[in-house]
PDB file of all heavy atoms in Angstrom:
ATOM      1  N   LEU A   1    -147.964 120.794  40.746  1.00  0.00           N
ATOM      2  CA  LEU A   1    -147.800 122.265  40.663  1.00  0.00           C
ATOM      3  C   LEU A   1    -148.624 123.127  41.684  1.00  0.00           C
ATOM      4  O   LEU A   1    -148.260 124.230  41.918  1.00  0.00           O
ATOM      5  CB  LEU A   1    -148.333 122.602  39.231  1.00  0.00           C
ATOM      6  CG  LEU A   1    -147.538 122.068  38.089  1.00  0.00           C
ATOM      7  CD1 LEU A   1    -148.158 122.551  36.730  1.00  0.00           C
ATOM      8  CD2 LEU A   1    -146.136 122.587  38.160  1.00  0.00           C
ATOM      9  N   LEU A   2    -149.580 122.488  42.383  1.00  0.00           N
ATOM     10  CA  LEU A   2    -150.187 123.267  43.493  1.00  0.00           C
ATOM     11  C   LEU A   2    -149.429 123.047  44.802  1.00  0.00           C
ATOM     12  O   LEU A   2    -149.829 123.647  45.866  1.00  0.00           O
ATOM     13  CB  LEU A   2    -151.668 122.820  43.629  1.00  0.00           C
ATOM     14  CG  LEU A   2    -152.582 123.087  42.401  1.00  0.00           C
ATOM     15  CD1 LEU A   2    -154.062 122.936  42.759  1.00  0.00           C
ATOM     16  CD2 LEU A   2    -152.371 124.465  41.776  1.00  0.00           C
ATOM     17  N   TYR A   3    -148.460 122.277  44.849  1.00  0.00           N
ATOM     18  CA  TYR A   3    -147.644 122.007  45.992  1.00  0.00           C
ATOM     19  C   TYR A   3    -146.177 122.454  45.855  1.00  0.00           C
ATOM     20  O   TYR A   3    -145.390 122.104  46.683  1.00  0.00           O
ATOM     21  CB  TYR A   3    -147.604 120.537  46.525  1.00  0.00           C
ATOM     22  CG  TYR A   3    -149.052 120.202  47.089  1.00  0.00           C
ATOM     23  CD1 TYR A   3    -149.989 119.606  46.281  1.00  0.00           C
ATOM     24  CD2 TYR A   3    -149.372 120.409  48.368  1.00  0.00           C
ATOM     25  CE1 TYR A   3    -151.251 119.209  46.770  1.00  0.00           C
ATOM     26  CE2 TYR A   3    -150.619 120.203  48.908  1.00  0.00           C
ATOM     27  CZ  TYR A   3    -151.502 119.519  48.116  1.00  0.00           C
ATOM     28  OH  TYR A   3    -152.769 119.210  48.604  1.00  0.00           O
ATOM     29  N   GLY A   4    -145.839 123.194  44.743  1.00  0.00           N
ATOM     30  CA  GLY A   4    -144.561 123.695  44.531  1.00  0.00           C
ATOM     31  C   GLY A   4    -143.534 122.667  43.996  1.00  0.00           C
ATOM     32  O   GLY A   4    -142.395 122.851  43.965  1.00  0.00           O
ATOM     33  N   GLY A   5    -144.061 121.459  43.543  1.00  0.00           N
ATOM     34  CA  GLY A   5    -143.232 120.448  42.934  1.00  0.00           C
ATOM     35  C   GLY A   5    -142.873 120.665  41.464  1.00  0.00           C
ATOM     36  O   GLY A   5    -143.243 121.644  40.941  1.00  0.00           O
ATOM     37  N   ARG A   6    -142.123 119.710  40.977  1.00  0.00           N
ATOM     38  CA  ARG A   6    -141.682 119.798  39.579  1.00  0.00           C
ATOM     39  C   ARG A   6    -142.428 118.738  38.789  1.00  0.00           C
ATOM     40  O   ARG A   6    -142.446 117.515  39.204  1.00  0.00           O
ATOM     41  CB  ARG A   6    -140.209 119.680  39.490  1.00  0.00           C
ATOM     42  CG  ARG A   6    -139.620 119.742  38.062  1.00  0.00           C
ATOM     43  CD  ARG A   6    -138.121 119.889  38.005  1.00  0.00           C
ATOM     44  NE  ARG A   6    -137.365 118.835  38.526  1.00  0.00           N
ATOM     45  CZ  ARG A   6    -136.928 117.850  37.756  1.00  0.00           C
ATOM     46  NH1 ARG A   6    -137.022 117.804  36.390  1.00  0.00           N
ATOM     47  NH2 ARG A   6    -136.221 116.818  38.271  1.00  0.00           N
ATOM     48  N   LEU A   7    -142.924 119.114  37.535  1.00  0.00           N
ATOM     49  CA  LEU A   7    -143.581 118.163  36.743  1.00  0.00           C
ATOM     50  C   LEU A   7    -142.748 117.883  35.538  1.00  0.00           C
ATOM     51  O   LEU A   7    -142.382 118.801  34.735  1.00  0.00           O
ATOM     52  CB  LEU A   7    -144.876 118.852  36.288  1.00  0.00           C
ATOM     53  CG  LEU A   7    -145.953 117.975  35.383  1.00  0.00           C
ATOM     54  CD1 LEU A   7    -146.260 116.647  36.128  1.00  0.00           C
ATOM     55  CD2 LEU A   7    -147.051 118.697  34.943  1.00  0.00           C
ATOM     56  N   VAL A   8    -142.446 116.527  35.293  1.00  0.00           N
ATOM     57  CA  VAL A   8    -141.661 116.148  34.148  1.00  0.00           C
ATOM     58  C   VAL A   8    -142.704 115.696  33.104  1.00  0.00           C
ATOM     59  O   VAL A   8    -143.386 114.566  33.299  1.00  0.00           O
ATOM     60  CB  VAL A   8    -140.672 115.134  34.505  1.00  0.00           C
ATOM     61  CG1 VAL A   8    -139.913 114.634  33.231  1.00  0.00           C
ATOM     62  CG2 VAL A   8    -139.685 115.509  35.652  1.00  0.00           C
ATOM     63  N   VAL A   9    -142.867 116.412  31.969  1.00  0.00           N
ATOM     64  CA  VAL A   9    -143.682 115.890  30.874  1.00  0.00           C
ATOM     65  C   VAL A   9    -143.056 114.771  30.138  1.00  0.00           C
ATOM     66  O   VAL A   9    -141.901 114.990  29.522  1.00  0.00           O
ATOM     67  CB  VAL A   9    -144.046 117.078  29.976  1.00  0.00           C
ATOM     68  CG1 VAL A   9    -145.050 116.634  28.890  1.00  0.00           C
ATOM     69  CG2 VAL A   9    -144.768 118.321  30.762  1.00  0.00           C
ATOM     70  N   VAL A  10    -143.584 113.578  30.149  1.00  0.00           N
ATOM     71  CA  VAL A  10    -142.919 112.482  29.435  1.00  0.00           C
ATOM     72  C   VAL A  10    -143.306 112.476  27.939  1.00  0.00           C
ATOM     73  O   VAL A  10    -144.372 112.451  27.612  1.00  0.00           O
ATOM     74  CB  VAL A  10    -143.470 111.168  30.077  1.00  0.00           C
ATOM     75  CG1 VAL A  10    -142.758 109.897  29.408  1.00  0.00           C
ATOM     76  CG2 VAL A  10    -143.300 111.188  31.563  1.00  0.00           C
ATOM     77  N   PRO A  11    -142.209 112.507  27.099  1.00  0.00           N
ATOM     78  CA  PRO A  11    -142.492 112.426  25.649  1.00  0.00           C
ATOM     79  C   PRO A  11    -143.332 111.267  25.320  1.00  0.00           C
ATOM     80  O   PRO A  11    -143.111 110.129  25.904  1.00  0.00           O
ATOM     81  CB  PRO A  11    -141.052 112.411  25.031  1.00  0.00           C
ATOM     82  CG  PRO A  11    -140.215 113.087  26.059  1.00  0.00           C
ATOM     83  CD  PRO A  11    -140.852 112.614  27.327  1.00  0.00           C
ATOM     84  N   TYR A  12    -144.219 111.315  24.260  1.00  0.00           N
ATOM     85  CA  TYR A  12    -145.118 110.211  23.929  1.00  0.00           C
ATOM     86  C   TYR A  12    -144.302 108.893  23.712  1.00  0.00           C
ATOM     87  O   TYR A  12    -144.714 107.901  24.199  1.00  0.00           O
ATOM     88  CB  TYR A  12    -145.859 110.557  22.691  1.00  0.00           C
ATOM     89  CG  TYR A  12    -146.783 109.475  22.303  1.00  0.00           C
ATOM     90  CD1 TYR A  12    -147.962 109.158  23.002  1.00  0.00           C
ATOM     91  CD2 TYR A  12    -146.388 108.607  21.230  1.00  0.00           C
ATOM     92  CE1 TYR A  12    -148.747 108.164  22.608  1.00  0.00           C
ATOM     93  CE2 TYR A  12    -147.170 107.598  20.845  1.00  0.00           C
ATOM     94  CZ  TYR A  12    -148.402 107.322  21.474  1.00  0.00           C
ATOM     95  OH  TYR A  12    -149.135 106.265  21.066  1.00  0.00           O
ATOM     96  N   LEU A  13    -143.265 108.962  22.957  1.00  0.00           N
ATOM     97  CA  LEU A  13    -142.523 107.676  22.615  1.00  0.00           C
ATOM     98  C   LEU A  13    -141.829 107.141  23.797  1.00  0.00           C
ATOM     99  O   LEU A  13    -141.770 105.881  23.985  1.00  0.00           O
ATOM    100  CB  LEU A  13    -141.502 107.963  21.472  1.00  0.00           C
ATOM    101  CG  LEU A  13    -142.037 108.343  20.172  1.00  0.00           C
ATOM    102  CD1 LEU A  13    -141.009 108.672  19.116  1.00  0.00           C
ATOM    103  CD2 LEU A  13    -142.914 107.180  19.620  1.00  0.00           C
ATOM    104  N   THR A  14    -141.392 107.991  24.723  1.00  0.00           N
ATOM    105  CA  THR A  14    -140.770 107.485  25.964  1.00  0.00           C
ATOM    106  C   THR A  14    -141.898 106.833  26.827  1.00  0.00           C
ATOM    107  O   THR A  14    -141.640 105.732  27.479  1.00  0.00           O
ATOM    108  CB  THR A  14    -140.207 108.638  26.818  1.00  0.00           C
ATOM    109  OG1 THR A  14    -139.141 109.345  26.006  1.00  0.00           O
ATOM    110  CG2 THR A  14    -139.575 108.178  28.060  1.00  0.00           C
ATOM    111  N   SER A  15    -143.071 107.364  26.770  1.00  0.00           N
ATOM    112  CA  SER A  15    -144.167 106.658  27.624  1.00  0.00           C
ATOM    113  C   SER A  15    -144.585 105.309  27.029  1.00  0.00           C
ATOM    114  O   SER A  15    -145.113 104.551  27.762  1.00  0.00           O
ATOM    115  CB  SER A  15    -145.457 107.665  27.634  1.00  0.00           C
ATOM    116  OG  SER A  15    -146.045 107.525  26.315  1.00  0.00           O
ATOM    117  N   ARG A  16    -144.198 105.071  25.873  1.00  0.00           N
ATOM    118  CA  ARG A  16    -144.485 103.718  25.186  1.00  0.00           C
ATOM    119  C   ARG A  16    -143.236 102.829  25.324  1.00  0.00           C
ATOM    120  O   ARG A  16    -143.256 101.705  24.754  1.00  0.00           O
ATOM    121  CB  ARG A  16    -144.934 103.961  23.749  1.00  0.00           C
ATOM    122  CG  ARG A  16    -146.298 104.553  23.641  1.00  0.00           C
ATOM    123  CD  ARG A  16    -147.333 103.682  24.207  1.00  0.00           C
ATOM    124  NE  ARG A  16    -148.645 104.368  24.116  1.00  0.00           N
ATOM    125  CZ  ARG A  16    -149.144 104.963  25.147  1.00  0.00           C
ATOM    126  NH1 ARG A  16    -148.387 105.170  26.299  1.00  0.00           N
ATOM    127  NH2 ARG A  16    -150.449 105.526  25.143  1.00  0.00           N
ATOM    128  N   SER A  17    -142.088 103.210  25.865  1.00  0.00           N
ATOM    129  CA  SER A  17    -141.023 102.408  26.037  1.00  0.00           C
ATOM    130  C   SER A  17    -140.581 102.189  27.505  1.00  0.00           C
ATOM    131  O   SER A  17    -140.064 103.091  28.014  1.00  0.00           O
ATOM    132  CB  SER A  17    -139.755 102.987  25.192  1.00  0.00           C
ATOM    133  OG  SER A  17    -138.604 102.313  25.626  1.00  0.00           O
ATOM    134  N   PRO A  18    -140.997 101.110  28.187  1.00  0.00           N
ATOM    135  CA  PRO A  18    -140.662 100.931  29.564  1.00  0.00           C
ATOM    136  C   PRO A  18    -139.159 101.187  29.976  1.00  0.00           C
ATOM    137  O   PRO A  18    -138.969 101.642  30.989  1.00  0.00           O
ATOM    138  CB  PRO A  18    -141.106  99.520  29.803  1.00  0.00           C
ATOM    139  CG  PRO A  18    -142.144  99.223  28.774  1.00  0.00           C
ATOM    140  CD  PRO A  18    -141.710  99.971  27.569  1.00  0.00           C
ATOM    141  N   GLN A  19    -138.240 100.690  29.035  1.00  0.00           N
ATOM    142  CA  GLN A  19    -136.867 100.949  29.340  1.00  0.00           C
ATOM    143  C   GLN A  19    -136.509 102.344  29.305  1.00  0.00           C
ATOM    144  O   GLN A  19    -135.758 102.915  30.230  1.00  0.00           O
ATOM    145  CB  GLN A  19    -136.027 100.212  28.254  1.00  0.00           C
ATOM    146  CG  GLN A  19    -136.032  98.727  28.344  1.00  0.00           C
ATOM    147  CD  GLN A  19    -137.369  98.055  27.775  1.00  0.00           C
ATOM    148  OE1 GLN A  19    -138.058  98.807  26.974  1.00  0.00           O
ATOM    149  NE2 GLN A  19    -137.647  96.821  27.933  1.00  0.00           N
ATOM    150  N   GLU A  20    -136.906 103.137  28.335  1.00  0.00           N
ATOM    151  CA  GLU A  20    -136.723 104.535  28.256  1.00  0.00           C
ATOM    152  C   GLU A  20    -137.304 105.266  29.504  1.00  0.00           C
ATOM    153  O   GLU A  20    -136.769 106.253  30.017  1.00  0.00           O
ATOM    154  CB  GLU A  20    -137.120 105.128  26.971  1.00  0.00           C
ATOM    155  CG  GLU A  20    -136.177 104.805  25.732  1.00  0.00           C
ATOM    156  CD  GLU A  20    -136.743 105.414  24.439  1.00  0.00           C
ATOM    157  OE1 GLU A  20    -137.360 106.562  24.584  1.00  0.00           O
ATOM    158  OE2 GLU A  20    -136.534 104.838  23.401  1.00  0.00           O
ATOM    159  N   PHE A  21    -138.538 104.866  29.818  1.00  0.00           N
ATOM    160  CA  PHE A  21    -139.150 105.608  30.912  1.00  0.00           C
ATOM    161  C   PHE A  21    -138.514 105.300  32.251  1.00  0.00           C
ATOM    162  O   PHE A  21    -138.400 106.176  32.980  1.00  0.00           O
ATOM    163  CB  PHE A  21    -140.643 105.066  30.918  1.00  0.00           C
ATOM    164  CG  PHE A  21    -141.556 105.761  31.958  1.00  0.00           C
ATOM    165  CD1 PHE A  21    -141.558 107.222  32.123  1.00  0.00           C
ATOM    166  CD2 PHE A  21    -142.371 105.009  32.857  1.00  0.00           C
ATOM    167  CE1 PHE A  21    -142.245 107.831  33.013  1.00  0.00           C
ATOM    168  CE2 PHE A  21    -143.065 105.714  33.841  1.00  0.00           C
ATOM    169  CZ  PHE A  21    -143.047 107.082  33.895  1.00  0.00           C
ATOM    170  N   LEU A  22    -138.108 104.094  32.391  1.00  0.00           N
ATOM    171  CA  LEU A  22    -137.302 103.717  33.645  1.00  0.00           C
ATOM    172  C   LEU A  22    -136.040 104.692  33.739  1.00  0.00           C
ATOM    173  O   LEU A  22    -135.647 105.221  34.892  1.00  0.00           O
ATOM    174  CB  LEU A  22    -136.846 102.219  33.588  1.00  0.00           C
ATOM    175  CG  LEU A  22    -136.225 101.823  34.787  1.00  0.00           C
ATOM    176  CD1 LEU A  22    -137.117 101.657  36.135  1.00  0.00           C
ATOM    177  CD2 LEU A  22    -135.556 100.310  34.618  1.00  0.00           C
ATOM    178  N   ALA A  23    -135.341 104.897  32.626  1.00  0.00           N
ATOM    179  CA  ALA A  23    -134.105 105.659  32.645  1.00  0.00           C
ATOM    180  C   ALA A  23    -134.506 107.100  32.939  1.00  0.00           C
ATOM    181  O   ALA A  23    -133.743 107.801  33.651  1.00  0.00           O
ATOM    182  CB  ALA A  23    -133.496 105.594  31.195  1.00  0.00           C
ATOM    183  N   LEU A  24    -135.648 107.619  32.443  1.00  0.00           N
ATOM    184  CA  LEU A  24    -136.054 108.909  32.762  1.00  0.00           C
ATOM    185  C   LEU A  24    -136.399 109.055  34.265  1.00  0.00           C
ATOM    186  O   LEU A  24    -136.071 110.135  34.819  1.00  0.00           O
ATOM    187  CB  LEU A  24    -137.339 109.311  31.858  1.00  0.00           C
ATOM    188  CG  LEU A  24    -137.988 110.691  32.104  1.00  0.00           C
ATOM    189  CD1 LEU A  24    -138.521 111.252  30.800  1.00  0.00           C
ATOM    190  CD2 LEU A  24    -139.094 110.661  33.156  1.00  0.00           C
ATOM    191  N   LEU A  25    -137.084 108.106  34.813  1.00  0.00           N
ATOM    192  CA  LEU A  25    -137.370 108.138  36.270  1.00  0.00           C
ATOM    193  C   LEU A  25    -136.042 108.241  37.117  1.00  0.00           C
ATOM    194  O   LEU A  25    -136.044 108.968  38.092  1.00  0.00           O
ATOM    195  CB  LEU A  25    -138.158 106.901  36.684  1.00  0.00           C
ATOM    196  CG  LEU A  25    -139.492 106.672  36.164  1.00  0.00           C
ATOM    197  CD1 LEU A  25    -140.063 105.335  36.619  1.00  0.00           C
ATOM    198  CD2 LEU A  25    -140.432 107.838  36.525  1.00  0.00           C
ATOM    199  N   GLU A  26    -135.077 107.613  36.712  1.00  0.00           N
ATOM    200  CA  GLU A  26    -133.758 107.668  37.451  1.00  0.00           C
ATOM    201  C   GLU A  26    -133.096 108.962  37.184  1.00  0.00           C
ATOM    202  O   GLU A  26    -132.625 109.739  38.133  1.00  0.00           O
ATOM    203  CB  GLU A  26    -132.802 106.544  36.944  1.00  0.00           C
ATOM    204  CG  GLU A  26    -131.396 106.499  37.522  1.00  0.00           C
ATOM    205  CD  GLU A  26    -130.529 105.439  37.097  1.00  0.00           C
ATOM    206  OE1 GLU A  26    -130.523 105.122  35.874  1.00  0.00           O
ATOM    207  OE2 GLU A  26    -129.872 104.857  37.917  1.00  0.00           O
ATOM    208  N   LYS A  27    -133.059 109.489  35.884  1.00  0.00           N
ATOM    209  CA  LYS A  27    -132.321 110.657  35.572  1.00  0.00           C
ATOM    210  C   LYS A  27    -133.033 111.933  36.265  1.00  0.00           C
ATOM    211  O   LYS A  27    -132.342 112.749  36.759  1.00  0.00           O
ATOM    212  CB  LYS A  27    -132.368 110.868  34.119  1.00  0.00           C
ATOM    213  CG  LYS A  27    -131.622 112.085  33.557  1.00  0.00           C
ATOM    214  CD  LYS A  27    -131.741 112.264  32.050  1.00  0.00           C
ATOM    215  CE  LYS A  27    -131.328 113.642  31.618  1.00  0.00           C
ATOM    216  NZ  LYS A  27    -132.113 114.137  30.595  1.00  0.00           N
ATOM    217  N   GLU A  28    -134.312 111.983  36.168  1.00  0.00           N
ATOM    218  CA  GLU A  28    -135.048 113.105  36.686  1.00  0.00           C
ATOM    219  C   GLU A  28    -135.289 112.990  38.175  1.00  0.00           C
ATOM    220  O   GLU A  28    -135.864 113.997  38.848  1.00  0.00           O
ATOM    221  CB  GLU A  28    -136.358 113.350  35.927  1.00  0.00           C
ATOM    222  CG  GLU A  28    -136.238 113.571  34.520  1.00  0.00           C
ATOM    223  CD  GLU A  28    -135.711 115.017  34.184  1.00  0.00           C
ATOM    224  OE1 GLU A  28    -135.469 115.837  35.082  1.00  0.00           O
ATOM    225  OE2 GLU A  28    -135.430 115.243  32.955  1.00  0.00           O
ATOM    226  N   LYS A  29    -134.939 111.909  38.874  1.00  0.00           N
ATOM    227  CA  LYS A  29    -135.136 111.706  40.243  1.00  0.00           C
ATOM    228  C   LYS A  29    -136.632 111.892  40.683  1.00  0.00           C
ATOM    229  O   LYS A  29    -136.939 112.601  41.731  1.00  0.00           O
ATOM    230  CB  LYS A  29    -134.238 112.598  41.089  1.00  0.00           C
ATOM    231  CG  LYS A  29    -132.696 112.342  40.871  1.00  0.00           C
ATOM    232  CD  LYS A  29    -131.850 113.209  41.841  1.00  0.00           C
ATOM    233  CE  LYS A  29    -130.457 112.726  41.832  1.00  0.00           C
ATOM    234  NZ  LYS A  29    -129.854 112.576  40.530  1.00  0.00           N
ATOM    235  N   VAL A  30    -137.448 111.186  39.845  1.00  0.00           N
ATOM    236  CA  VAL A  30    -138.894 111.225  40.140  1.00  0.00           C
ATOM    237  C   VAL A  30    -139.253 110.670  41.411  1.00  0.00           C
ATOM    238  O   VAL A  30    -138.727 109.547  41.750  1.00  0.00           O
ATOM    239  CB  VAL A  30    -139.623 110.598  38.960  1.00  0.00           C
ATOM    240  CG1 VAL A  30    -141.203 110.467  39.258  1.00  0.00           C
ATOM    241  CG2 VAL A  30    -139.454 111.334  37.695  1.00  0.00           C
ATOM    242  N   THR A  31    -140.164 111.335  42.177  1.00  0.00           N
ATOM    243  CA  THR A  31    -140.509 110.830  43.614  1.00  0.00           C
ATOM    244  C   THR A  31    -142.015 110.346  43.653  1.00  0.00           C
ATOM    245  O   THR A  31    -142.280 109.510  44.510  1.00  0.00           O
ATOM    246  CB  THR A  31    -140.358 111.964  44.697  1.00  0.00           C
ATOM    247  OG1 THR A  31    -141.301 113.012  44.365  1.00  0.00           O
ATOM    248  CG2 THR A  31    -138.940 112.467  44.757  1.00  0.00           C
ATOM    249  N   VAL A  32    -142.858 110.795  42.677  1.00  0.00           N
ATOM    250  CA  VAL A  32    -144.226 110.416  42.747  1.00  0.00           C
ATOM    251  C   VAL A  32    -144.553 109.907  41.287  1.00  0.00           C
ATOM    252  O   VAL A  32    -144.539 110.726  40.347  1.00  0.00           O
ATOM    253  CB  VAL A  32    -145.253 111.574  43.046  1.00  0.00           C
ATOM    254  CG1 VAL A  32    -146.584 111.017  43.063  1.00  0.00           C
ATOM    255  CG2 VAL A  32    -144.793 112.110  44.464  1.00  0.00           C
ATOM    256  N   LEU A  33    -144.913 108.636  41.194  1.00  0.00           N
ATOM    257  CA  LEU A  33    -145.219 108.010  39.827  1.00  0.00           C
ATOM    258  C   LEU A  33    -146.721 107.462  39.941  1.00  0.00           C
ATOM    259  O   LEU A  33    -147.065 106.837  40.892  1.00  0.00           O
ATOM    260  CB  LEU A  33    -144.315 106.941  39.602  1.00  0.00           C
ATOM    261  CG  LEU A  33    -144.573 106.091  38.332  1.00  0.00           C
ATOM    262  CD1 LEU A  33    -144.467 106.886  37.104  1.00  0.00           C
ATOM    263  CD2 LEU A  33    -143.594 104.865  38.255  1.00  0.00           C
ATOM    264  N   ASN A  34    -147.483 107.873  38.832  1.00  0.00           N
ATOM    265  CA  ASN A  34    -148.813 107.327  38.781  1.00  0.00           C
ATOM    266  C   ASN A  34    -148.930 106.482  37.570  1.00  0.00           C
ATOM    267  O   ASN A  34    -148.427 106.881  36.467  1.00  0.00           O
ATOM    268  CB  ASN A  34    -149.785 108.574  38.631  1.00  0.00           C
ATOM    269  CG  ASN A  34    -149.646 109.484  39.793  1.00  0.00           C
ATOM    270  OD1 ASN A  34    -150.192 109.301  40.828  1.00  0.00           O
ATOM    271  ND2 ASN A  34    -148.775 110.527  39.679  1.00  0.00           N
ATOM    272  N   GLN A  35    -149.588 105.285  37.791  1.00  0.00           N
ATOM    273  CA  GLN A  35    -149.546 104.313  36.665  1.00  0.00           C
ATOM    274  C   GLN A  35    -150.878 103.524  36.650  1.00  0.00           C
ATOM    275  O   GLN A  35    -151.402 103.239  37.716  1.00  0.00           O
ATOM    276  CB  GLN A  35    -148.434 103.241  36.920  1.00  0.00           C
ATOM    277  CG  GLN A  35    -147.006 103.803  36.771  1.00  0.00           C
ATOM    278  CD  GLN A  35    -146.427 103.791  35.301  1.00  0.00           C
ATOM    279  OE1 GLN A  35    -145.936 102.898  34.878  1.00  0.00           O
ATOM    280  NE2 GLN A  35    -146.714 104.983  34.583  1.00  0.00           N
TER     281      GLN A  35
END
């Protein structure tokens, strides 16, 4: 948010499902992932 980017808030249940989270990364075209 301090560089003008977009922040996708990951729903709690999605954060606990690697398959759903992978699908979210693809759908939202995420460029920076922290893990």
